[in-house]
């Protein structure tokens, strides 16, 4: 995982790992990932993790979609959609409101 992210950093496609999103091929051997899906971005220190059913396990690293949240530095497509907090991501909005 780290090697794949580092390759993207060296090539200049991303800067920090938070500029990355991961797509993981999930098969029977690693299906436990589905149970921890919501924690995967924090575990891997990336902005998003997507799981795809596939008989072959794989890791695909790409540039994260959306804008950078100035509070947590994660990238999110939902930034700018909240009228009250237009500059921050939904996760940070939740932390501020609760």
C-alpha atoms as a PDB file:
ATOM      1  CA  UNK A   1       0.000   0.000   0.000  1.00  0.00           C
ATOM      2  CA  UNK A   2       2.641   2.496   1.060  1.00  0.00           C
ATOM      3  CA  UNK A   3       4.809   1.553  -1.894  1.00  0.00           C
ATOM      4  CA  UNK A   4       1.969   2.277  -4.326  1.00  0.00           C
ATOM      5  CA  UNK A   5       1.320   5.668  -2.709  1.00  0.00           C
ATOM      6  CA  UNK A   6       5.031   6.508  -2.672  1.00  0.00           C
ATOM      7  CA  UNK A   7       5.312   5.706  -6.392  1.00  0.00           C
ATOM      8  CA  UNK A   8       2.593   8.303  -7.098  1.00  0.00           C
ATOM      9  CA  UNK A   9       4.397  10.834  -4.906  1.00  0.00           C
ATOM     10  CA  UNK A  10       7.718  10.268  -6.672  1.00  0.00           C
ATOM     11  CA  UNK A  11       6.052  10.656 -10.077  1.00  0.00           C
ATOM     12  CA  UNK A  12       4.537  13.966  -8.942  1.00  0.00           C
ATOM     13  CA  UNK A  13       0.914  12.859  -9.339  1.00  0.00           C
ATOM     14  CA  UNK A  14       0.242  13.536  -5.653  1.00  0.00           C
ATOM     15  CA  UNK A  15       2.037  15.407  -2.895  1.00  0.00           C
ATOM     16  CA  UNK A  16       1.004  14.011   0.467  1.00  0.00           C
ATOM     17  CA  UNK A  17      -0.852  10.752   1.025  1.00  0.00           C
ATOM     18  CA  UNK A  18      -4.005  12.782   1.803  1.00  0.00           C
ATOM     19  CA  UNK A  19      -4.056  13.797  -1.858  1.00  0.00           C
ATOM     20  CA  UNK A  20      -4.652  10.135  -2.721  1.00  0.00           C
ATOM     21  CA  UNK A  21      -7.658   7.896  -2.889  1.00  0.00           C
ATOM     22  CA  UNK A  22      -7.412   4.120  -3.019  1.00  0.00           C
ATOM     23  CA  UNK A  23      -9.471   1.554  -4.850  1.00  0.00           C
ATOM     24  CA  UNK A  24      -9.031  -1.940  -3.462  1.00  0.00           C
ATOM     25  CA  UNK A  25     -10.050  -5.148  -5.165  1.00  0.00           C
ATOM     26  CA  UNK A  26     -11.871  -7.203  -2.549  1.00  0.00           C
ATOM     27  CA  UNK A  27     -12.015 -10.985  -2.832  1.00  0.00           C
ATOM     28  CA  UNK A  28     -12.762 -13.779  -0.353  1.00  0.00           C
ATOM     29  CA  UNK A  29      -9.323 -13.542   1.259  1.00  0.00           C
ATOM     30  CA  UNK A  30      -9.617  -9.847   2.118  1.00  0.00           C
ATOM     31  CA  UNK A  31     -13.405  -9.496   2.444  1.00  0.00           C
ATOM     32  CA  UNK A  32     -12.932  -8.463   6.108  1.00  0.00           C
ATOM     33  CA  UNK A  33     -12.163  -4.988   4.706  1.00  0.00           C
ATOM     34  CA  UNK A  34     -15.889  -4.498   4.115  1.00  0.00           C
ATOM     35  CA  UNK A  35     -16.454  -4.559   7.884  1.00  0.00           C
ATOM     36  CA  UNK A  36     -13.999  -1.713   8.481  1.00  0.00           C
ATOM     37  CA  UNK A  37     -14.782   0.263   5.307  1.00  0.00           C
ATOM     38  CA  UNK A  38     -15.444   3.558   7.147  1.00  0.00           C
ATOM     39  CA  UNK A  39     -12.118   3.401   9.016  1.00  0.00           C
ATOM     40  CA  UNK A  40      -9.927   2.634   6.002  1.00  0.00           C
ATOM     41  CA  UNK A  41      -9.134   6.247   5.016  1.00  0.00           C
ATOM     42  CA  UNK A  42      -7.820   6.921   8.534  1.00  0.00           C
ATOM     43  CA  UNK A  43      -5.922   3.634   8.656  1.00  0.00           C
ATOM     44  CA  UNK A  44      -4.216   4.249   5.305  1.00  0.00           C
ATOM     45  CA  UNK A  45      -3.956   8.053   5.806  1.00  0.00           C
ATOM     46  CA  UNK A  46      -5.661   8.862   2.514  1.00  0.00           C
ATOM     47  CA  UNK A  47      -8.743  10.921   1.652  1.00  0.00           C
ATOM     48  CA  UNK A  48     -10.937   8.066   0.396  1.00  0.00           C
ATOM     49  CA  UNK A  49     -10.998   4.286  -0.011  1.00  0.00           C
ATOM     50  CA  UNK A  50     -13.302   2.468  -2.422  1.00  0.00           C
ATOM     51  CA  UNK A  51     -13.846  -1.282  -2.412  1.00  0.00           C
ATOM     52  CA  UNK A  52     -14.591  -3.227  -5.595  1.00  0.00           C
ATOM     53  CA  UNK A  53     -15.671  -6.862  -5.699  1.00  0.00           C
ATOM     54  CA  UNK A  54     -13.067  -8.691  -7.742  1.00  0.00           C
ATOM     55  CA  UNK A  55     -11.658 -12.224  -7.749  1.00  0.00           C
ATOM     56  CA  UNK A  56      -8.175 -10.691  -7.856  1.00  0.00           C
ATOM     57  CA  UNK A  57      -6.905  -8.475  -5.048  1.00  0.00           C
ATOM     58  CA  UNK A  58      -5.391  -5.195  -6.217  1.00  0.00           C
ATOM     59  CA  UNK A  59      -4.566  -1.661  -5.115  1.00  0.00           C
ATOM     60  CA  UNK A  60      -5.098   1.330  -7.375  1.00  0.00           C
ATOM     61  CA  UNK A  61      -3.910   4.771  -6.240  1.00  0.00           C
ATOM     62  CA  UNK A  62      -5.247   7.929  -7.845  1.00  0.00           C
ATOM     63  CA  UNK A  63      -5.466  11.624  -7.078  1.00  0.00           C
ATOM     64  CA  UNK A  64      -8.299  12.334  -4.648  1.00  0.00           C
ATOM     65  CA  UNK A  65     -11.370  14.037  -6.078  1.00  0.00           C
ATOM     66  CA  UNK A  66     -12.789  17.263  -4.680  1.00  0.00           C
ATOM     67  CA  UNK A  67     -11.282  20.110  -2.714  1.00  0.00           C
ATOM     68  CA  UNK A  68      -8.963  20.154   0.293  1.00  0.00           C
ATOM     69  CA  UNK A  69     -10.588  20.759   3.672  1.00  0.00           C
ATOM     70  CA  UNK A  70      -8.577  23.423   5.543  1.00  0.00           C
ATOM     71  CA  UNK A  71      -9.472  21.824   8.880  1.00  0.00           C
ATOM     72  CA  UNK A  72      -8.465  18.159   8.362  1.00  0.00           C
ATOM     73  CA  UNK A  73      -6.600  18.438   5.017  1.00  0.00           C
ATOM     74  CA  UNK A  74      -8.601  15.573   3.508  1.00  0.00           C
ATOM     75  CA  UNK A  75     -10.061  15.991   0.038  1.00  0.00           C
ATOM     76  CA  UNK A  76     -13.830  15.682  -0.361  1.00  0.00           C
ATOM     77  CA  UNK A  77     -16.247  16.217  -3.229  1.00  0.00           C
ATOM     78  CA  UNK A  78     -18.864  17.588  -0.828  1.00  0.00           C
ATOM     79  CA  UNK A  79     -16.863  20.705   0.113  1.00  0.00           C
ATOM     80  CA  UNK A  80     -18.810  23.797  -0.894  1.00  0.00           C
ATOM     81  CA  UNK A  81     -22.226  22.155  -0.726  1.00  0.00           C
ATOM     82  CA  UNK A  82     -23.081  23.114   2.871  1.00  0.00           C
ATOM     83  CA  UNK A  83     -24.402  26.693   3.108  1.00  0.00           C
ATOM     84  CA  UNK A  84     -23.444  27.152   6.767  1.00  0.00           C
ATOM     85  CA  UNK A  85     -19.949  25.638   6.441  1.00  0.00           C
ATOM     86  CA  UNK A  86     -19.044  25.905   2.747  1.00  0.00           C
ATOM     87  CA  UNK A  87     -15.275  25.521   3.170  1.00  0.00           C
ATOM     88  CA  UNK A  88     -15.053  22.292   5.179  1.00  0.00           C
ATOM     89  CA  UNK A  89     -15.821  18.620   4.634  1.00  0.00           C
ATOM     90  CA  UNK A  90     -18.844  16.743   6.025  1.00  0.00           C
ATOM     91  CA  UNK A  91     -16.704  14.931   8.611  1.00  0.00           C
ATOM     92  CA  UNK A  92     -15.461  18.248  10.034  1.00  0.00           C
ATOM     93  CA  UNK A  93     -18.974  19.734   9.926  1.00  0.00           C
ATOM     94  CA  UNK A  94     -20.156  16.794  11.990  1.00  0.00           C
ATOM     95  CA  UNK A  95     -17.364  17.357  14.513  1.00  0.00           C
ATOM     96  CA  UNK A  96     -18.222  21.056  14.832  1.00  0.00           C
ATOM     97  CA  UNK A  97     -21.977  20.597  15.116  1.00  0.00           C
ATOM     98  CA  UNK A  98     -21.996  17.705  17.607  1.00  0.00           C
END
